Amino acid sequence: MSTFDADPSDRATGAPRLLGIGTPGPMRQRLNALILAREKRATAGLAGDYVAEGEPLEHVGERLTLVDDEGERVATVVVTKVVTCRFIDVPWEFARAEAEGDESIEEWREGHREYWTSVGEQVDDSTTVVLIWFELE
């Protein structure tokens, strides 16, 4: 449930990419608070979004600038693991690391499918997702 925004000029200067979790407003505020509390240690994105935006996947060791609703820096996270898989194959281990309150992998799938549908993305069991684990720096 993330959007990864990058200003192309930042890539040329080597500045970290921006990480905007969820959608601006109460969702982003809640998710950022979970990250700052070191509870949320993972996030998911749709592989198709990377292709559409011409963005490379994150890589282990990459530093990302976590931003608030106004795009201002909140913190820096460091990517510790990146995996791509089908939506249906997302493991419970990952859902727990997202720390969004889901009590089962089925609940995680339902919530994420609902979220992505609400922002205009069609997700089925074979949709490729990008799973990113990170640590707060």
Protein backbone atom coordinates (compact mmCIF):
# COMPACT_ATOMS: atom_id res chain seq x y z
CA MET A 1 0.00 0.00 0.00
CA SER A 2 2.62 2.44 -1.06
CA THR A 3 3.45 4.90 -3.72
CA PHE A 4 7.04 5.48 -4.62
CA ASP A 5 7.56 8.94 -5.99
CA ALA A 6 10.82 10.11 -7.44
CA ASP A 7 11.81 13.38 -9.01
CA PRO A 8 13.95 12.42 -12.02
CA SER A 9 16.41 15.16 -11.12
CA ASP A 10 16.97 13.50 -7.73
CA ARG A 11 18.15 10.33 -9.46
CA ALA A 12 20.80 12.32 -11.31
CA THR A 13 22.10 13.81 -8.04
CA GLY A 14 21.96 10.53 -6.12
CA ALA A 15 19.36 11.82 -3.63
CA PRO A 16 17.27 9.07 -2.01
CA ARG A 17 13.92 8.29 -3.60
CA LEU A 18 10.80 9.37 -1.77
CA LEU A 19 8.55 6.86 -0.03
CA GLY A 20 4.93 7.93 0.43
CA ILE A 21 3.08 5.15 2.25
CA GLY A 22 -0.60 4.70 1.39
CA THR A 23 -2.63 7.73 0.40
CA PRO A 24 -2.21 11.19 1.94
CA GLY A 25 -4.39 11.89 4.96
CA PRO A 26 -5.31 9.68 7.90
CA MET A 27 -3.99 6.51 6.24
CA ARG A 28 -0.51 7.91 5.60
CA GLN A 29 -0.40 9.50 9.06
CA ARG A 30 -1.28 6.18 10.73
CA LEU A 31 1.20 4.16 8.66
CA ASN A 32 4.01 6.68 9.19
CA ALA A 33 3.36 6.53 12.94
CA LEU A 34 3.70 2.73 12.82
CA ILE A 35 7.03 3.09 11.01
CA LEU A 36 8.31 5.67 13.49
CA ALA A 37 7.30 3.33 16.33
CA ARG A 38 9.38 0.62 14.58
CA GLU A 39 6.29 -1.60 14.30
CA LYS A 40 5.77 -1.41 10.52
CA ARG A 41 8.81 -2.93 8.80
CA ALA A 42 7.45 -3.70 5.34
CA THR A 43 5.30 -2.34 2.54
CA ALA A 44 3.88 -3.64 -0.74
CA GLY A 45 3.55 -2.12 -4.18
CA LEU A 46 2.28 -3.24 -7.56
CA ALA A 47 4.95 -4.22 -10.08
CA GLY A 48 2.86 -2.65 -12.83
CA ASP A 49 3.23 0.77 -11.19
CA TYR A 50 7.01 0.53 -11.44
CA VAL A 51 6.74 -0.28 -15.14
CA ALA A 52 4.23 2.51 -15.80
CA GLU A 53 6.43 5.06 -13.99
CA GLY A 54 9.72 3.79 -15.42
CA GLU A 55 11.02 3.20 -11.90
CA PRO A 56 13.50 0.48 -10.96
CA LEU A 57 12.67 -1.76 -7.99
CA GLU A 58 14.23 -0.86 -4.69
CA HIS A 59 17.38 -2.77 -3.78
CA VAL A 60 18.87 -4.02 -0.53
CA GLY A 61 20.78 -1.21 1.16
CA GLU A 62 18.88 1.56 -0.63
CA ARG A 63 17.92 4.50 1.55
CA LEU A 64 14.41 5.92 1.04
CA THR A 65 13.09 9.21 2.38
CA LEU A 66 9.77 8.63 4.16
CA VAL A 67 7.49 11.62 3.53
CA ASP A 68 4.35 13.05 5.09
CA ASP A 69 1.21 14.39 3.41
CA GLU A 70 3.04 17.50 2.19
CA GLY A 71 6.00 15.56 0.82
CA GLU A 72 8.24 16.64 3.69
CA ARG A 73 10.84 14.26 5.12
CA VAL A 74 9.70 12.32 8.19
CA ALA A 75 12.52 9.78 8.42
CA THR A 76 14.86 7.62 6.39
CA VAL A 77 14.40 3.88 5.97
CA VAL A 78 16.90 1.36 4.62
CA VAL A 79 15.69 -1.49 2.42
CA THR A 80 16.64 -4.90 3.85
CA LYS A 81 14.86 -7.26 1.44
CA VAL A 82 12.93 -7.05 -1.83
CA VAL A 83 10.83 -9.88 -3.28
CA THR A 84 8.41 -10.03 -6.19
CA CYS A 85 5.64 -12.62 -6.22
CA ARG A 86 2.06 -13.19 -7.26
CA PHE A 87 -0.54 -11.55 -5.03
CA ILE A 88 -1.84 -14.96 -3.96
CA ASP A 89 1.68 -16.00 -2.87
CA VAL A 90 2.35 -13.14 -0.43
CA PRO A 91 3.40 -14.89 2.79
CA TRP A 92 1.89 -14.30 6.21
CA GLU A 93 5.40 -13.40 7.43
CA PHE A 94 5.26 -10.34 5.17
CA ALA A 95 1.73 -9.35 6.23
CA ARG A 96 2.82 -9.46 9.89
CA ALA A 97 5.84 -7.25 9.11
CA GLU A 98 3.47 -4.68 7.56
CA ALA A 99 1.89 -4.40 11.03
CA GLU A 100 -1.39 -2.96 9.79
CA GLY A 101 -3.56 -5.03 12.13
CA ASP A 102 -4.48 -7.92 9.85
CA GLU A 103 -5.19 -11.11 11.74
CA SER A 104 -4.74 -13.50 8.81
CA ILE A 105 -3.27 -13.55 5.33
CA GLU A 106 -6.82 -13.64 3.97
CA GLU A 107 -7.62 -10.40 5.81
CA TRP A 108 -4.40 -8.87 4.43
CA ARG A 109 -5.36 -9.86 0.87
CA GLU A 110 -8.88 -8.51 1.25
CA GLY A 111 -7.66 -5.17 2.63
CA HIS A 112 -4.96 -4.70 0.02
CA ARG A 113 -7.20 -5.74 -2.88
CA GLU A 114 -9.82 -3.26 -1.59
CA TYR A 115 -7.22 -0.48 -1.26
CA TRP A 116 -5.71 -0.96 -4.71
CA THR A 117 -9.18 -1.16 -6.27
CA SER A 118 -10.09 2.12 -4.54
CA VAL A 119 -7.14 3.85 -6.27
CA GLY A 120 -8.07 2.44 -9.68
CA GLU A 121 -5.88 -0.69 -9.84
CA GLN A 122 -7.25 -4.10 -10.72
CA VAL A 123 -5.69 -6.85 -8.62
CA ASP A 124 -6.24 -10.57 -9.01
CA ASP A 125 -4.41 -13.59 -7.63
CA SER A 126 -1.81 -13.50 -10.43
CA THR A 127 -0.98 -9.77 -10.13
CA THR A 128 2.73 -9.28 -9.44
CA VAL A 129 3.45 -7.41 -6.23
CA VAL A 130 6.70 -6.03 -4.86
CA LEU A 131 7.34 -6.79 -1.19
CA ILE A 132 9.79 -4.47 0.51
CA TRP A 133 11.18 -4.96 4.00
CA PHE A 134 12.98 -2.04 5.64
CA GLU A 135 14.45 -0.71 8.86
CA LEU A 136 14.16 2.78 10.28
CA GLU A 137 17.54 4.48 10.12
